N, C-alpha and C. Protein backbone atom coordinates (compact mmCIF):
# COMPACT_ATOMS: atom_id res chain seq x y z
N UNK A 1 -21.13 -18.09 -3.61
CA UNK A 1 -20.09 -17.45 -2.82
C UNK A 1 -20.63 -17.21 -1.41
N UNK A 2 -19.81 -17.52 -0.44
CA UNK A 2 -20.17 -17.33 0.95
C UNK A 2 -19.48 -16.09 1.49
N UNK A 3 -20.24 -15.30 2.22
CA UNK A 3 -19.68 -14.11 2.84
C UNK A 3 -19.32 -14.44 4.29
N UNK A 4 -18.14 -14.06 4.71
CA UNK A 4 -17.73 -14.25 6.09
C UNK A 4 -18.09 -12.97 6.85
N UNK A 5 -19.27 -12.98 7.47
CA UNK A 5 -19.78 -11.78 8.13
C UNK A 5 -18.91 -11.34 9.29
N UNK A 6 -18.13 -12.24 9.85
CA UNK A 6 -17.20 -11.87 10.91
C UNK A 6 -16.24 -10.79 10.42
N UNK A 7 -15.77 -10.92 9.19
CA UNK A 7 -14.82 -9.95 8.66
C UNK A 7 -15.45 -8.58 8.44
N UNK A 8 -16.75 -8.55 8.24
CA UNK A 8 -17.47 -7.30 8.05
C UNK A 8 -17.88 -6.69 9.38
N UNK A 9 -18.44 -7.50 10.25
CA UNK A 9 -19.01 -7.02 11.50
C UNK A 9 -18.03 -7.05 12.67
N UNK A 10 -17.06 -7.91 12.62
CA UNK A 10 -16.12 -8.07 13.74
C UNK A 10 -15.44 -6.80 14.21
N UNK A 11 -14.93 -5.97 13.30
CA UNK A 11 -14.27 -4.75 13.75
C UNK A 11 -15.18 -3.82 14.56
N UNK A 12 -16.48 -3.92 14.34
CA UNK A 12 -17.43 -3.06 15.03
C UNK A 12 -17.97 -3.68 16.30
N UNK A 13 -18.23 -4.99 16.26
CA UNK A 13 -18.88 -5.62 17.41
C UNK A 13 -17.89 -6.15 18.45
N UNK A 14 -16.68 -6.53 18.04
CA UNK A 14 -15.64 -6.98 18.98
C UNK A 14 -14.31 -6.31 18.60
N UNK A 15 -14.24 -4.98 18.73
CA UNK A 15 -13.08 -4.25 18.22
C UNK A 15 -11.74 -4.63 18.87
N UNK A 16 -11.73 -4.88 20.17
CA UNK A 16 -10.45 -5.23 20.81
C UNK A 16 -9.94 -6.58 20.34
N UNK A 17 -10.81 -7.56 20.31
CA UNK A 17 -10.41 -8.90 19.88
C UNK A 17 -10.00 -8.90 18.41
N UNK A 18 -10.76 -8.18 17.59
CA UNK A 18 -10.45 -8.11 16.17
C UNK A 18 -9.12 -7.42 15.94
N UNK A 19 -8.88 -6.33 16.68
CA UNK A 19 -7.62 -5.58 16.53
C UNK A 19 -6.42 -6.44 16.96
N UNK A 20 -6.60 -7.22 18.03
CA UNK A 20 -5.51 -8.09 18.48
C UNK A 20 -5.17 -9.12 17.40
N UNK A 21 -6.19 -9.66 16.77
CA UNK A 21 -5.98 -10.62 15.70
C UNK A 21 -5.28 -9.96 14.51
N UNK A 22 -5.73 -8.78 14.14
CA UNK A 22 -5.10 -8.08 13.01
C UNK A 22 -3.63 -7.77 13.30
N UNK A 23 -3.33 -7.36 14.52
CA UNK A 23 -1.94 -7.09 14.89
C UNK A 23 -1.10 -8.36 14.78
N UNK A 24 -1.63 -9.47 15.25
CA UNK A 24 -0.91 -10.74 15.17
C UNK A 24 -0.67 -11.15 13.72
N UNK A 25 -1.67 -10.91 12.86
CA UNK A 25 -1.49 -11.22 11.43
C UNK A 25 -0.38 -10.36 10.83
N UNK A 26 -0.34 -9.09 11.21
CA UNK A 26 0.70 -8.19 10.69
C UNK A 26 2.09 -8.60 11.18
N UNK A 27 2.17 -9.04 12.43
CA UNK A 27 3.46 -9.51 12.94
C UNK A 27 3.92 -10.76 12.18
N UNK A 28 2.99 -11.66 11.91
CA UNK A 28 3.34 -12.86 11.15
C UNK A 28 3.80 -12.47 9.74
N UNK A 29 3.09 -11.54 9.14
CA UNK A 29 3.45 -11.09 7.79
C UNK A 29 4.85 -10.48 7.76
N UNK A 30 5.18 -9.68 8.77
CA UNK A 30 6.50 -9.05 8.82
C UNK A 30 7.60 -10.10 8.95
N UNK A 31 7.37 -11.09 9.78
CA UNK A 31 8.36 -12.17 9.93
C UNK A 31 8.48 -12.95 8.62
N UNK A 32 7.35 -13.25 8.00
CA UNK A 32 7.36 -13.97 6.73
C UNK A 32 8.17 -13.21 5.67
N UNK A 33 7.96 -11.91 5.58
CA UNK A 33 8.68 -11.12 4.58
C UNK A 33 10.18 -11.11 4.84
N UNK A 34 10.56 -11.08 6.11
CA UNK A 34 11.99 -11.16 6.43
C UNK A 34 12.54 -12.55 6.08
N UNK A 35 11.74 -13.57 6.31
CA UNK A 35 12.20 -14.94 6.04
C UNK A 35 12.41 -15.17 4.55
N UNK A 36 11.50 -14.67 3.72
CA UNK A 36 11.69 -14.92 2.28
C UNK A 36 12.84 -14.11 1.72
N UNK A 37 13.25 -13.06 2.42
CA UNK A 37 14.41 -12.28 1.99
C UNK A 37 15.73 -12.89 2.47
N UNK A 38 15.65 -13.75 3.49
CA UNK A 38 16.85 -14.38 4.04
C UNK A 38 17.31 -15.51 3.14
N UNK A 39 18.57 -15.82 3.22
CA UNK A 39 19.12 -16.92 2.43
C UNK A 39 18.53 -18.23 2.92
N UNK A 40 17.96 -18.99 2.00
CA UNK A 40 17.32 -20.25 2.36
C UNK A 40 18.32 -21.17 3.04
N UNK A 41 17.92 -21.72 4.17
CA UNK A 41 18.76 -22.66 4.89
C UNK A 41 19.73 -22.02 5.86
N UNK A 42 19.87 -20.70 5.81
CA UNK A 42 20.78 -20.02 6.73
C UNK A 42 20.23 -20.06 8.14
N UNK A 43 21.08 -19.73 9.10
CA UNK A 43 20.65 -19.70 10.49
C UNK A 43 19.54 -18.66 10.67
N UNK A 44 19.67 -17.53 10.00
CA UNK A 44 18.64 -16.49 10.07
C UNK A 44 17.31 -17.02 9.53
N UNK A 45 17.37 -17.70 8.40
CA UNK A 45 16.15 -18.27 7.82
C UNK A 45 15.49 -19.25 8.79
N UNK A 46 16.29 -20.13 9.38
CA UNK A 46 15.73 -21.12 10.31
C UNK A 46 15.12 -20.44 11.53
N UNK A 47 15.79 -19.41 12.04
CA UNK A 47 15.26 -18.67 13.19
C UNK A 47 13.95 -17.98 12.83
N UNK A 48 13.92 -17.34 11.68
CA UNK A 48 12.70 -16.66 11.25
C UNK A 48 11.58 -17.65 10.96
N UNK A 49 11.94 -18.82 10.46
CA UNK A 49 10.94 -19.85 10.22
C UNK A 49 10.28 -20.28 11.53
N UNK A 50 11.08 -20.47 12.56
CA UNK A 50 10.53 -20.82 13.87
C UNK A 50 9.65 -19.69 14.42
N UNK A 51 10.15 -18.47 14.31
CA UNK A 51 9.36 -17.32 14.77
C UNK A 51 8.05 -17.22 14.00
N UNK A 52 8.12 -17.46 12.71
CA UNK A 52 6.93 -17.39 11.87
C UNK A 52 5.90 -18.44 12.24
N UNK A 53 6.36 -19.63 12.55
CA UNK A 53 5.43 -20.68 12.95
C UNK A 53 4.73 -20.31 14.26
N UNK A 54 5.48 -19.75 15.20
CA UNK A 54 4.89 -19.31 16.47
C UNK A 54 3.92 -18.16 16.24
N UNK A 55 4.31 -17.22 15.38
CA UNK A 55 3.45 -16.08 15.09
C UNK A 55 2.16 -16.52 14.40
N UNK A 56 2.26 -17.48 13.50
CA UNK A 56 1.07 -17.98 12.82
C UNK A 56 0.13 -18.67 13.81
N UNK A 57 0.70 -19.45 14.72
CA UNK A 57 -0.11 -20.12 15.74
C UNK A 57 -0.81 -19.10 16.64
N UNK A 58 -0.10 -18.04 16.99
CA UNK A 58 -0.70 -16.99 17.83
C UNK A 58 -1.81 -16.27 17.08
N UNK A 59 -1.60 -15.99 15.82
CA UNK A 59 -2.64 -15.34 15.01
C UNK A 59 -3.87 -16.25 14.92
N UNK A 60 -3.66 -17.53 14.73
CA UNK A 60 -4.78 -18.48 14.67
C UNK A 60 -5.53 -18.51 16.00
N UNK A 61 -4.79 -18.49 17.10
CA UNK A 61 -5.40 -18.51 18.43
C UNK A 61 -6.24 -17.25 18.66
N UNK A 62 -5.70 -16.11 18.29
CA UNK A 62 -6.42 -14.85 18.47
C UNK A 62 -7.62 -14.74 17.54
N UNK A 63 -7.51 -15.32 16.35
CA UNK A 63 -8.67 -15.34 15.45
C UNK A 63 -9.80 -16.14 16.09
N UNK A 64 -9.46 -17.28 16.66
CA UNK A 64 -10.48 -18.11 17.29
C UNK A 64 -11.15 -17.36 18.45
N UNK A 65 -10.37 -16.67 19.24
CA UNK A 65 -10.92 -15.89 20.35
C UNK A 65 -11.86 -14.81 19.82
N UNK A 66 -11.43 -14.11 18.78
CA UNK A 66 -12.25 -13.04 18.21
C UNK A 66 -13.54 -13.59 17.62
N UNK A 67 -13.45 -14.71 16.92
CA UNK A 67 -14.65 -15.30 16.32
C UNK A 67 -15.62 -15.78 17.40
N UNK A 68 -15.10 -16.35 18.47
CA UNK A 68 -15.97 -16.81 19.55
C UNK A 68 -16.65 -15.62 20.24
N UNK A 69 -15.91 -14.55 20.47
CA UNK A 69 -16.49 -13.35 21.09
C UNK A 69 -17.56 -12.77 20.18
N UNK A 70 -17.30 -12.75 18.89
CA UNK A 70 -18.26 -12.22 17.93
C UNK A 70 -19.54 -13.09 17.90
N UNK A 71 -19.36 -14.40 17.91
CA UNK A 71 -20.50 -15.31 17.86
C UNK A 71 -21.39 -15.14 19.09
N UNK A 72 -20.80 -14.85 20.23
CA UNK A 72 -21.57 -14.65 21.45
C UNK A 72 -22.41 -13.38 21.40
N UNK A 73 -21.97 -12.38 20.63
CA UNK A 73 -22.66 -11.10 20.54
C UNK A 73 -23.75 -11.10 19.48
N UNK A 74 -23.80 -12.12 18.66
CA UNK A 74 -24.78 -12.18 17.57
C UNK A 74 -26.14 -12.51 18.07
């Protein structure tokens, strides 16, 4: 089993970057939960699907920034 030390140390060593990533993940999760509650194929579902894809991409981008900041501090 491999431990991802970023998840353990990141909140302490790069708190702003880590918090931004966590917020983005929560926003993606909220959109996802609304999407699965929407009627499949409806306009609302399609809109939420697009929002969710953008939110996931932003969360991925912020994770990369946080990981790079953390790696520089190691």
